[in-house]
Amino acid sequence: MRRFARNGAGMLGLVGVVLVLVMAFGAPLLAPHDPARQYFDGLTLEGDPLPPSRQFPLGTDTLGRDLLSRVLFGARVSLLVGVLANGAAVLIGLLVGVAAGYFRGAVEAVLMRLTDVMTAFPALILAIALAAILRPSLWIVALVIALVNWVWIARAIYAQVLSIRQREFVEAAGALGVGTFRTLFRHILPHLVSTLMVFGTLGISTTVLLEASLSFLGVGVQPPAPSWGGIINESQSYFLDAPWLVIFPGIAIVLTSLSFNLLGEALRDALDLAERR
C-alpha cells in the first residue's frame, strides 16, 4: 500500500475511479432530471438541442432529454457491463490458462490452439459479429465482450502456471502424494492473485471502451437505456451544431478508461516489486 500510495499516477487513477463510481451509484440522487423524460422546453423552436444552461447543465439531446442525467445513468450501464464482462473474461482466462499450463499434453494442445484461433480474429470485428447474431441487450453485450477478451488473460495465466509448475514446492507436493486439486488451490492459485488483480483492473478499461464502441455502432446496449456510446451514436448528425452531445459522453469514456488504466498500472508496479523482493 505504501508503494502504491507513492505512485502519483496511480492515486490520480484511484480518484478518477472513485469519481466514476460516485457517478454510477449516486445517479438517482445526482441527476437533476429523469433521463428518459422528453421535455417540451428541451428543444429550440427549430427542434434543435439546447446548449448548457442553468436548467440543463450539460444541455439536452436530440429528443429534449437532459444530457447530464443521461451521462450519469450511462455510467451505471458502462460500469455494470465492464465489471460483468471483465469478471467473466478473467474467470474464463483463469480456467483455460490453469488447465493448459498444469495438465499439459492433449489438454494444453487443444486449449492453446483454441486460444490461437480466437487471437486470429480482431476483437471488435468478432464482437460485432456475435452481437449481431445474438439479440443485443445488456447481458448479451457483457457475454460477447467476455468471449472476445479472455484470450490475453489465458495466455498470461498459462505462462505463469508453466513457471510455477516447475518450482520445488509443487514438485515436493506431487512427491508427497498431494492431490491435483489441492495442489492447484493451495500451491498454484495463490501465486496468481496479483496477476488476476491487475487484469481485473486493467480489463475494465478495455471492456468499457468495447461496450462504448458496440453501442456507438448500434449493436450494444439498446435504447432507451442510456449508454455513453449510444448517446454519441444518437448525436452524430448534430456534432457540429451541438458539440456538447459528443464532448461530454466522450469525456466520460476517456476519464473512465484512463482512470482504470492508471490504477491497473500502479497496482502492477507495486505488486511486481513486492513479488521480486
C-alpha atoms as a PDB file:
ATOM      1  CA  MET A   1       0.000   0.000   0.000  1.00  0.00           C
ATOM      2  CA  ARG A   2       2.873   2.386   0.731  1.00  0.00           C
ATOM      3  CA  ARG A   3       4.408   1.698  -2.679  1.00  0.00           C
ATOM      4  CA  PHE A   4       1.048   2.269  -4.331  1.00  0.00           C
ATOM      5  CA  ALA A   5       0.440   5.493  -2.362  1.00  0.00           C
ATOM      6  CA  ARG A   6       3.760   6.901  -3.614  1.00  0.00           C
ATOM      7  CA  ASN A   7       2.643   6.435  -7.219  1.00  0.00           C
ATOM      8  CA  GLY A   8       1.123   9.766  -8.251  1.00  0.00           C
ATOM      9  CA  ALA A   9      -0.435   8.424 -11.443  1.00  0.00           C
ATOM     10  CA  GLY A  10      -1.965   5.537  -9.525  1.00  0.00           C
ATOM     11  CA  MET A  11      -3.502   7.856  -6.954  1.00  0.00           C
ATOM     12  CA  LEU A  12      -4.868  10.026  -9.756  1.00  0.00           C
ATOM     13  CA  GLY A  13      -6.393   6.917 -11.318  1.00  0.00           C
ATOM     14  CA  LEU A  14      -7.902   5.938  -7.963  1.00  0.00           C
ATOM     15  CA  VAL A  15      -9.517   9.365  -7.641  1.00  0.00           C
ATOM     16  CA  GLY A  16     -10.928   9.003 -11.160  1.00  0.00           C
ATOM     17  CA  VAL A  17     -12.312   5.543 -10.396  1.00  0.00           C
ATOM     18  CA  VAL A  18     -13.946   6.812  -7.203  1.00  0.00           C
ATOM     19  CA  LEU A  19     -15.463   9.703  -9.158  1.00  0.00           C
ATOM     20  CA  VAL A  20     -16.930   7.325 -11.757  1.00  0.00           C
ATOM     21  CA  LEU A  21     -18.288   5.068  -9.006  1.00  0.00           C
ATOM     22  CA  VAL A  22     -19.922   8.068  -7.320  1.00  0.00           C
ATOM     23  CA  MET A  23     -21.487   9.000 -10.664  1.00  0.00           C
ATOM     24  CA  ALA A  24     -22.811   5.471 -11.155  1.00  0.00           C
ATOM     25  CA  PHE A  25     -24.117   4.728  -7.661  1.00  0.00           C
ATOM     26  CA  GLY A  26     -25.260   8.263  -6.969  1.00  0.00           C
ATOM     27  CA  ALA A  27     -27.004   8.807 -10.309  1.00  0.00           C
ATOM     28  CA  PRO A  28     -30.557   8.727  -8.839  1.00  0.00           C
ATOM     29  CA  LEU A  29     -29.560  11.432  -6.334  1.00  0.00           C
ATOM     30  CA  LEU A  30     -27.229  13.488  -8.549  1.00  0.00           C
ATOM     31  CA  ALA A  31     -29.312  13.525 -11.734  1.00  0.00           C
ATOM     32  CA  PRO A  32     -31.370  16.738 -11.893  1.00  0.00           C
ATOM     33  CA  HIS A  33     -33.979  15.216 -14.229  1.00  0.00           C
ATOM     34  CA  ASP A  34     -35.446  11.915 -15.345  1.00  0.00           C
ATOM     35  CA  PRO A  35     -33.015  10.627 -18.014  1.00  0.00           C
ATOM     36  CA  ALA A  36     -35.855   9.216 -20.128  1.00  0.00           C
ATOM     37  CA  ARG A  37     -38.202  12.208 -19.974  1.00  0.00           C
ATOM     38  CA  GLN A  38     -38.558  14.336 -23.090  1.00  0.00           C
ATOM     39  CA  TYR A  39     -39.084  17.949 -22.070  1.00  0.00           C
ATOM     40  CA  PHE A  40     -41.247  20.212 -24.235  1.00  0.00           C
ATOM     41  CA  ASP A  41     -38.917  23.108 -23.441  1.00  0.00           C
ATOM     42  CA  GLY A  42     -35.842  20.927 -24.029  1.00  0.00           C
ATOM     43  CA  LEU A  43     -35.615  21.847 -27.706  1.00  0.00           C
ATOM     44  CA  THR A  44     -35.401  25.104 -29.603  1.00  0.00           C
ATOM     45  CA  LEU A  45     -38.285  26.313 -31.753  1.00  0.00           C
ATOM     46  CA  GLU A  46     -36.491  24.730 -34.708  1.00  0.00           C
ATOM     47  CA  GLY A  47     -36.303  21.386 -32.876  1.00  0.00           C
ATOM     48  CA  ASP A  48     -32.573  21.543 -32.110  1.00  0.00           C
ATOM     49  CA  PRO A  49     -30.965  20.514 -28.777  1.00  0.00           C
ATOM     50  CA  LEU A  50     -30.451  23.235 -26.170  1.00  0.00           C
ATOM     51  CA  PRO A  51     -26.916  24.246 -25.129  1.00  0.00           C
ATOM     52  CA  PRO A  52     -25.823  24.017 -21.469  1.00  0.00           C
ATOM     53  CA  SER A  53     -27.890  26.258 -19.212  1.00  0.00           C
ATOM     54  CA  ARG A  54     -28.974  26.570 -15.572  1.00  0.00           C
ATOM     55  CA  GLN A  55     -31.950  24.268 -16.134  1.00  0.00           C
ATOM     56  CA  PHE A  56     -29.940  21.744 -18.196  1.00  0.00           C
ATOM     57  CA  PRO A  57     -26.275  21.973 -17.026  1.00  0.00           C
ATOM     58  CA  LEU A  58     -24.910  19.913 -19.943  1.00  0.00           C
ATOM     59  CA  GLY A  59     -27.640  20.817 -22.415  1.00  0.00           C
ATOM     60  CA  THR A  60     -30.227  18.495 -23.939  1.00  0.00           C
ATOM     61  CA  ASP A  61     -30.092  15.760 -26.551  1.00  0.00           C
ATOM     62  CA  THR A  62     -31.925  15.397 -29.849  1.00  0.00           C
ATOM     63  CA  LEU A  63     -35.169  14.392 -28.082  1.00  0.00           C
ATOM     64  CA  GLY A  64     -35.110  17.117 -25.438  1.00  0.00           C
ATOM     65  CA  ARG A  65     -33.797  14.902 -22.637  1.00  0.00           C
ATOM     66  CA  ASP A  66     -31.357  16.205 -20.025  1.00  0.00           C
ATOM     67  CA  LEU A  67     -27.838  15.199 -21.103  1.00  0.00           C
ATOM     68  CA  LEU A  68     -26.319  15.363 -17.594  1.00  0.00           C
ATOM     69  CA  SER A  69     -28.879  12.878 -16.276  1.00  0.00           C
ATOM     70  CA  ARG A  70     -28.256  10.537 -19.205  1.00  0.00           C
ATOM     71  CA  VAL A  71     -24.475  10.708 -18.741  1.00  0.00           C
ATOM     72  CA  LEU A  72     -24.821   9.931 -15.026  1.00  0.00           C
ATOM     73  CA  PHE A  73     -27.108   6.966 -15.637  1.00  0.00           C
ATOM     74  CA  GLY A  74     -24.895   5.904 -18.540  1.00  0.00           C
ATOM     75  CA  ALA A  75     -22.087   5.423 -16.022  1.00  0.00           C
ATOM     76  CA  ARG A  76     -24.160   2.691 -14.373  1.00  0.00           C
ATOM     77  CA  VAL A  77     -24.591   0.842 -17.675  1.00  0.00           C
ATOM     78  CA  SER A  78     -20.938   1.152 -18.678  1.00  0.00           C
ATOM     79  CA  LEU A  79     -19.599   0.071 -15.286  1.00  0.00           C
ATOM     80  CA  LEU A  80     -22.060  -2.799 -14.966  1.00  0.00           C
ATOM     81  CA  VAL A  81     -21.143  -4.144 -18.404  1.00  0.00           C
ATOM     82  CA  GLY A  82     -17.452  -3.518 -17.738  1.00  0.00           C
ATOM     83  CA  VAL A  83     -17.392  -5.335 -14.400  1.00  0.00           C
ATOM     84  CA  LEU A  84     -19.568  -8.250 -15.552  1.00  0.00           C
ATOM     85  CA  ALA A  85     -17.738  -8.727 -18.843  1.00  0.00           C
ATOM     86  CA  ASN A  86     -14.280  -8.394 -17.358  1.00  0.00           C
ATOM     87  CA  GLY A  87     -15.126 -10.677 -14.436  1.00  0.00           C
ATOM     88  CA  ALA A  88     -16.348 -13.363 -16.831  1.00  0.00           C
ATOM     89  CA  ALA A  89     -13.290 -12.891 -19.065  1.00  0.00           C
ATOM     90  CA  VAL A  90     -10.931 -13.241 -16.095  1.00  0.00           C
ATOM     91  CA  LEU A  91     -12.721 -16.401 -14.965  1.00  0.00           C
ATOM     92  CA  ILE A  92     -12.594 -17.997 -18.434  1.00  0.00           C
ATOM     93  CA  GLY A  93      -8.962 -16.999 -18.904  1.00  0.00           C
ATOM     94  CA  LEU A  94      -8.074 -18.372 -15.475  1.00  0.00           C
ATOM     95  CA  LEU A  95      -9.704 -21.743 -16.143  1.00  0.00           C
ATOM     96  CA  VAL A  96      -8.167 -22.112 -19.607  1.00  0.00           C
ATOM     97  CA  GLY A  97      -4.705 -20.920 -18.564  1.00  0.00           C
ATOM     98  CA  VAL A  98      -4.513 -23.078 -15.438  1.00  0.00           C
ATOM     99  CA  ALA A  99      -5.799 -26.195 -17.202  1.00  0.00           C
ATOM    100  CA  ALA A 100      -3.414 -25.799 -20.152  1.00  0.00           C
ATOM    101  CA  GLY A 101      -0.390 -24.946 -18.018  1.00  0.00           C
ATOM    102  CA  TYR A 102      -0.852 -27.596 -15.357  1.00  0.00           C
ATOM    103  CA  PHE A 103      -2.201 -30.660 -17.172  1.00  0.00           C
ATOM    104  CA  ARG A 104      -0.131 -30.179 -20.369  1.00  0.00           C
ATOM    105  CA  GLY A 105      -0.370 -32.851 -23.074  1.00  0.00           C
ATOM    106  CA  ALA A 106      -3.597 -33.048 -25.080  1.00  0.00           C
ATOM    107  CA  VAL A 107      -5.367 -30.580 -22.795  1.00  0.00           C
ATOM    108  CA  GLU A 108      -2.659 -27.986 -23.419  1.00  0.00           C
ATOM    109  CA  ALA A 109      -2.685 -28.583 -27.188  1.00  0.00           C
ATOM    110  CA  VAL A 110      -6.470 -28.233 -27.535  1.00  0.00           C
ATOM    111  CA  LEU A 111      -6.867 -25.201 -25.284  1.00  0.00           C
ATOM    112  CA  MET A 112      -3.893 -23.257 -26.625  1.00  0.00           C
ATOM    113  CA  ARG A 113      -4.864 -23.944 -30.249  1.00  0.00           C
ATOM    114  CA  LEU A 114      -8.333 -22.636 -29.403  1.00  0.00           C
ATOM    115  CA  THR A 115      -6.657 -19.570 -27.929  1.00  0.00           C
ATOM    116  CA  ASP A 116      -4.619 -19.118 -31.119  1.00  0.00           C
ATOM    117  CA  VAL A 117      -7.779 -19.321 -33.223  1.00  0.00           C
ATOM    118  CA  MET A 118      -9.508 -16.679 -31.077  1.00  0.00           C
ATOM    119  CA  THR A 119      -6.422 -14.457 -31.301  1.00  0.00           C
ATOM    120  CA  ALA A 120      -6.598 -14.548 -35.102  1.00  0.00           C
ATOM    121  CA  PHE A 121      -9.909 -12.641 -35.101  1.00  0.00           C
ATOM    122  CA  PRO A 122      -9.856  -8.877 -34.358  1.00  0.00           C
ATOM    123  CA  ALA A 123     -11.705  -8.417 -31.073  1.00  0.00           C
ATOM    124  CA  LEU A 124     -14.008  -5.637 -32.291  1.00  0.00           C
ATOM    125  CA  ILE A 125     -14.960  -7.454 -35.514  1.00  0.00           C
ATOM    126  CA  LEU A 126     -15.684 -10.662 -33.604  1.00  0.00           C
ATOM    127  CA  ALA A 127     -17.709  -8.762 -31.000  1.00  0.00           C
ATOM    128  CA  ILE A 128     -19.760  -7.053 -33.720  1.00  0.00           C
ATOM    129  CA  ALA A 129     -20.457 -10.399 -35.402  1.00  0.00           C
ATOM    130  CA  LEU A 130     -21.521 -12.073 -32.149  1.00  0.00           C
ATOM    131  CA  ALA A 131     -23.640  -9.108 -31.083  1.00  0.00           C
ATOM    132  CA  ALA A 132     -25.341  -9.021 -34.488  1.00  0.00           C
ATOM    133  CA  ILE A 133     -26.170 -12.745 -34.321  1.00  0.00           C
ATOM    134  CA  LEU A 134     -27.496 -12.571 -30.767  1.00  0.00           C
ATOM    135  CA  ARG A 135     -30.224 -10.201 -29.661  1.00  0.00           C
ATOM    136  CA  PRO A 136     -28.444  -7.137 -28.204  1.00  0.00           C
ATOM    137  CA  SER A 137     -29.107  -6.469 -24.521  1.00  0.00           C
ATOM    138  CA  LEU A 138     -27.038  -5.515 -21.511  1.00  0.00           C
ATOM    139  CA  TRP A 139     -26.382  -9.149 -20.542  1.00  0.00           C
ATOM    140  CA  ILE A 140     -25.690 -10.267 -24.102  1.00  0.00           C
ATOM    141  CA  VAL A 141     -23.234  -7.394 -24.614  1.00  0.00           C
ATOM    142  CA  ALA A 142     -21.400  -8.368 -21.410  1.00  0.00           C
ATOM    143  CA  LEU A 143     -21.248 -12.007 -22.561  1.00  0.00           C
ATOM    144  CA  VAL A 144     -19.989 -11.047 -26.029  1.00  0.00           C
ATOM    145  CA  ILE A 145     -17.244  -8.826 -24.603  1.00  0.00           C
ATOM    146  CA  ALA A 146     -16.182 -11.604 -22.208  1.00  0.00           C
ATOM    147  CA  LEU A 147     -15.969 -14.100 -25.074  1.00  0.00           C
ATOM    148  CA  VAL A 148     -13.511 -11.909 -27.001  1.00  0.00           C
ATOM    149  CA  ASN A 149     -11.433 -10.652 -24.047  1.00  0.00           C
ATOM    150  CA  TRP A 150     -10.396 -13.846 -22.245  1.00  0.00           C
ATOM    151  CA  VAL A 151      -7.649 -14.758 -24.723  1.00  0.00           C
ATOM    152  CA  TRP A 152      -4.889 -12.478 -23.430  1.00  0.00           C
ATOM    153  CA  ILE A 153      -5.679 -13.350 -19.828  1.00  0.00           C
ATOM    154  CA  ALA A 154      -5.461 -17.072 -20.622  1.00  0.00           C
ATOM    155  CA  ARG A 155      -2.054 -16.611 -22.275  1.00  0.00           C
ATOM    156  CA  ALA A 156      -0.649 -14.704 -19.289  1.00  0.00           C
ATOM    157  CA  ILE A 157      -2.017 -17.235 -16.778  1.00  0.00           C
ATOM    158  CA  TYR A 158      -0.745 -20.140 -18.904  1.00  0.00           C
ATOM    159  CA  ALA A 159       2.796 -18.761 -18.969  1.00  0.00           C
ATOM    160  CA  GLN A 160       2.769 -18.120 -15.223  1.00  0.00           C
ATOM    161  CA  VAL A 161       1.410 -21.582 -14.392  1.00  0.00           C
ATOM    162  CA  LEU A 162       4.119 -23.194 -16.552  1.00  0.00           C
ATOM    163  CA  SER A 163       6.732 -21.366 -14.468  1.00  0.00           C
ATOM    164  CA  ILE A 164       5.130 -22.147 -11.093  1.00  0.00           C
ATOM    165  CA  ARG A 165       4.664 -25.814 -12.011  1.00  0.00           C
ATOM    166  CA  GLN A 166       8.439 -26.247 -12.244  1.00  0.00           C
ATOM    167  CA  ARG A 167       9.154 -24.904  -8.753  1.00  0.00           C
ATOM    168  CA  GLU A 168      10.362 -27.137  -5.967  1.00  0.00           C
ATOM    169  CA  PHE A 169       7.343 -26.777  -3.687  1.00  0.00           C
ATOM    170  CA  VAL A 170       4.992 -28.002  -6.429  1.00  0.00           C
ATOM    171  CA  GLU A 171       7.257 -30.960  -7.205  1.00  0.00           C
ATOM    172  CA  ALA A 172       7.523 -31.719  -3.484  1.00  0.00           C
ATOM    173  CA  ALA A 173       3.724 -31.666  -3.160  1.00  0.00           C
ATOM    174  CA  GLY A 174       3.466 -34.161  -6.017  1.00  0.00           C
ATOM    175  CA  ALA A 175       6.141 -36.391  -4.457  1.00  0.00           C
ATOM    176  CA  LEU A 176       4.211 -36.422  -1.167  1.00  0.00           C
ATOM    177  CA  GLY A 177       1.062 -37.579  -2.956  1.00  0.00           C
ATOM    178  CA  VAL A 178      -0.875 -34.319  -2.681  1.00  0.00           C
ATOM    179  CA  GLY A 179      -3.921 -34.442  -4.973  1.00  0.00           C
ATOM    180  CA  THR A 180      -4.279 -32.374  -8.124  1.00  0.00           C
ATOM    181  CA  PHE A 181      -6.993 -30.041  -6.871  1.00  0.00           C
ATOM    182  CA  ARG A 182      -5.264 -29.465  -3.543  1.00  0.00           C
ATOM    183  CA  THR A 183      -2.054 -28.607  -5.386  1.00  0.00           C
ATOM    184  CA  LEU A 184      -3.909 -26.172  -7.616  1.00  0.00           C
ATOM    185  CA  PHE A 185      -5.798 -24.411  -4.823  1.00  0.00           C
ATOM    186  CA  ARG A 186      -3.052 -24.431  -2.165  1.00  0.00           C
ATOM    187  CA  HIS A 187       0.150 -24.031  -4.164  1.00  0.00           C
ATOM    188  CA  ILE A 188      -0.609 -22.505  -7.578  1.00  0.00           C
ATOM    189  CA  LEU A 189      -3.697 -20.276  -7.383  1.00  0.00           C
ATOM    190  CA  PRO A 190      -2.333 -18.096  -4.512  1.00  0.00           C
ATOM    191  CA  HIS A 191       0.565 -17.115  -6.791  1.00  0.00           C
ATOM    192  CA  LEU A 192      -1.880 -15.902  -9.447  1.00  0.00           C
ATOM    193  CA  VAL A 193      -3.733 -13.441  -7.218  1.00  0.00           C
ATOM    194  CA  SER A 194      -1.590 -10.428  -8.152  1.00  0.00           C
ATOM    195  CA  THR A 195      -1.954 -11.173 -11.871  1.00  0.00           C
ATOM    196  CA  LEU A 196      -5.717 -11.536 -11.530  1.00  0.00           C
ATOM    197  CA  MET A 197      -5.936  -8.246  -9.611  1.00  0.00           C
ATOM    198  CA  VAL A 198      -4.080  -6.411 -12.371  1.00  0.00           C
ATOM    199  CA  PHE A 199      -6.151  -7.949 -15.163  1.00  0.00           C
ATOM    200  CA  GLY A 200      -9.310  -7.347 -13.136  1.00  0.00           C
ATOM    201  CA  THR A 201      -8.496  -3.625 -13.062  1.00  0.00           C
ATOM    202  CA  LEU A 202      -6.911  -3.043 -16.468  1.00  0.00           C
ATOM    203  CA  GLY A 203      -9.535  -5.149 -18.207  1.00  0.00           C
ATOM    204  CA  ILE A 204     -12.387  -2.882 -17.106  1.00  0.00           C
ATOM    205  CA  SER A 205     -10.848  -0.103 -19.198  1.00  0.00           C
ATOM    206  CA  THR A 206     -10.895  -2.330 -22.274  1.00  0.00           C
ATOM    207  CA  THR A 207     -14.426  -3.573 -21.693  1.00  0.00           C
ATOM    208  CA  VAL A 208     -15.788  -0.051 -21.166  1.00  0.00           C
ATOM    209  CA  LEU A 209     -14.227   1.049 -24.460  1.00  0.00           C
ATOM    210  CA  LEU A 210     -15.526  -2.028 -26.266  1.00  0.00           C
ATOM    211  CA  GLU A 211     -19.046  -1.548 -24.863  1.00  0.00           C
ATOM    212  CA  ALA A 212     -18.998   2.091 -25.976  1.00  0.00           C
ATOM    213  CA  SER A 213     -17.825   1.028 -29.448  1.00  0.00           C
ATOM    214  CA  LEU A 214     -20.579  -1.583 -29.794  1.00  0.00           C
ATOM    215  CA  SER A 215     -23.239   0.865 -28.582  1.00  0.00           C
ATOM    216  CA  PHE A 216     -21.941   3.509 -30.987  1.00  0.00           C
ATOM    217  CA  LEU A 217     -22.232   1.006 -33.856  1.00  0.00           C
ATOM    218  CA  GLY A 218     -25.783   0.122 -32.819  1.00  0.00           C
ATOM    219  CA  VAL A 219     -25.155  -3.457 -31.651  1.00  0.00           C
ATOM    220  CA  GLY A 220     -24.591  -2.714 -27.984  1.00  0.00           C
ATOM    221  CA  VAL A 221     -26.945  -1.734 -25.185  1.00  0.00           C
ATOM    222  CA  GLN A 222     -30.190  -0.703 -26.861  1.00  0.00           C
ATOM    223  CA  PRO A 223     -32.270   2.450 -26.226  1.00  0.00           C
ATOM    224  CA  PRO A 224     -33.931   3.730 -24.152  1.00  0.00           C
ATOM    225  CA  ALA A 225     -31.198   2.584 -21.704  1.00  0.00           C
ATOM    226  CA  PRO A 226     -28.624   5.412 -21.625  1.00  0.00           C
ATOM    227  CA  SER A 227     -25.161   4.347 -22.768  1.00  0.00           C
ATOM    228  CA  TRP A 228     -22.233   6.660 -23.456  1.00  0.00           C
ATOM    229  CA  GLY A 229     -21.576   5.120 -26.856  1.00  0.00           C
ATOM    230  CA  GLY A 230     -25.282   5.145 -27.634  1.00  0.00           C
ATOM    231  CA  ILE A 231     -25.563   8.846 -26.745  1.00  0.00           C
ATOM    232  CA  ILE A 232     -22.758   9.651 -29.198  1.00  0.00           C
ATOM    233  CA  ASN A 233     -24.392   7.462 -31.844  1.00  0.00           C
ATOM    234  CA  GLU A 234     -27.720   9.282 -31.491  1.00  0.00           C
ATOM    235  CA  SER A 235     -25.949  12.641 -31.823  1.00  0.00           C
ATOM    236  CA  GLN A 236     -23.861  12.028 -34.959  1.00  0.00           C
ATOM    237  CA  SER A 237     -25.857  14.411 -37.137  1.00  0.00           C
ATOM    238  CA  TYR A 238     -25.550  17.218 -34.560  1.00  0.00           C
ATOM    239  CA  PHE A 239     -21.876  17.023 -33.664  1.00  0.00           C
ATOM    240  CA  LEU A 240     -21.127  20.336 -35.430  1.00  0.00           C
ATOM    241  CA  ASP A 241     -24.207  22.275 -34.318  1.00  0.00           C
ATOM    242  CA  ALA A 242     -24.420  20.731 -30.809  1.00  0.00           C
ATOM    243  CA  PRO A 243     -20.891  19.521 -29.955  1.00  0.00           C
ATOM    244  CA  TRP A 244     -21.771  19.078 -26.262  1.00  0.00           C
ATOM    245  CA  LEU A 245     -23.706  15.938 -27.220  1.00  0.00           C
ATOM    246  CA  VAL A 246     -20.426  14.279 -28.196  1.00  0.00           C
ATOM    247  CA  ILE A 247     -17.945  16.048 -25.930  1.00  0.00           C
ATOM    248  CA  PHE A 248     -19.435  15.194 -22.536  1.00  0.00           C
ATOM    249  CA  PRO A 249     -20.058  11.451 -23.132  1.00  0.00           C
ATOM    250  CA  GLY A 250     -16.624  11.286 -24.769  1.00  0.00           C
ATOM    251  CA  ILE A 251     -15.013  12.857 -21.698  1.00  0.00           C
ATOM    252  CA  ALA A 252     -16.798  10.302 -19.504  1.00  0.00           C
ATOM    253  CA  ILE A 253     -15.460   7.410 -21.632  1.00  0.00           C
ATOM    254  CA  VAL A 254     -11.913   8.786 -21.639  1.00  0.00           C
ATOM    255  CA  LEU A 255     -11.978   9.541 -17.886  1.00  0.00           C
ATOM    256  CA  THR A 256     -13.189   6.036 -17.029  1.00  0.00           C
ATOM    257  CA  SER A 257     -10.751   4.265 -19.331  1.00  0.00           C
ATOM    258  CA  LEU A 258      -7.778   6.391 -18.279  1.00  0.00           C
ATOM    259  CA  SER A 259      -8.565   6.050 -14.560  1.00  0.00           C
ATOM    260  CA  PHE A 260      -8.752   2.253 -14.636  1.00  0.00           C
ATOM    261  CA  ASN A 261      -5.605   2.114 -16.771  1.00  0.00           C
ATOM    262  CA  LEU A 262      -3.629   4.277 -14.332  1.00  0.00           C
ATOM    263  CA  LEU A 263      -4.941   2.300 -11.360  1.00  0.00           C
ATOM    264  CA  GLY A 264      -4.098  -1.035 -13.004  1.00  0.00           C
ATOM    265  CA  GLU A 265      -0.588   0.093 -13.993  1.00  0.00           C
ATOM    266  CA  ALA A 266       0.106   1.314 -10.451  1.00  0.00           C
ATOM    267  CA  LEU A 267      -1.149  -1.974  -8.981  1.00  0.00           C
ATOM    268  CA  ARG A 268       1.027  -3.947 -11.381  1.00  0.00           C
ATOM    269  CA  ASP A 269       4.134  -1.923 -10.491  1.00  0.00           C
ATOM    270  CA  ALA A 270       3.508  -2.278  -6.753  1.00  0.00           C
ATOM    271  CA  LEU A 271       2.731  -5.998  -6.903  1.00  0.00           C
ATOM    272  CA  ASP A 272       5.634  -6.800  -9.247  1.00  0.00           C
ATOM    273  CA  LEU A 273       8.068  -5.022  -6.951  1.00  0.00           C
ATOM    274  CA  ALA A 274       6.687  -6.835  -3.906  1.00  0.00           C
ATOM    275  CA  GLU A 275       6.983 -10.202  -5.716  1.00  0.00           C
ATOM    276  CA  ARG A 276      10.585  -9.512  -6.787  1.00  0.00           C
ATOM    277  CA  ARG A 277      11.531  -8.620  -3.217  1.00  0.00           C
END
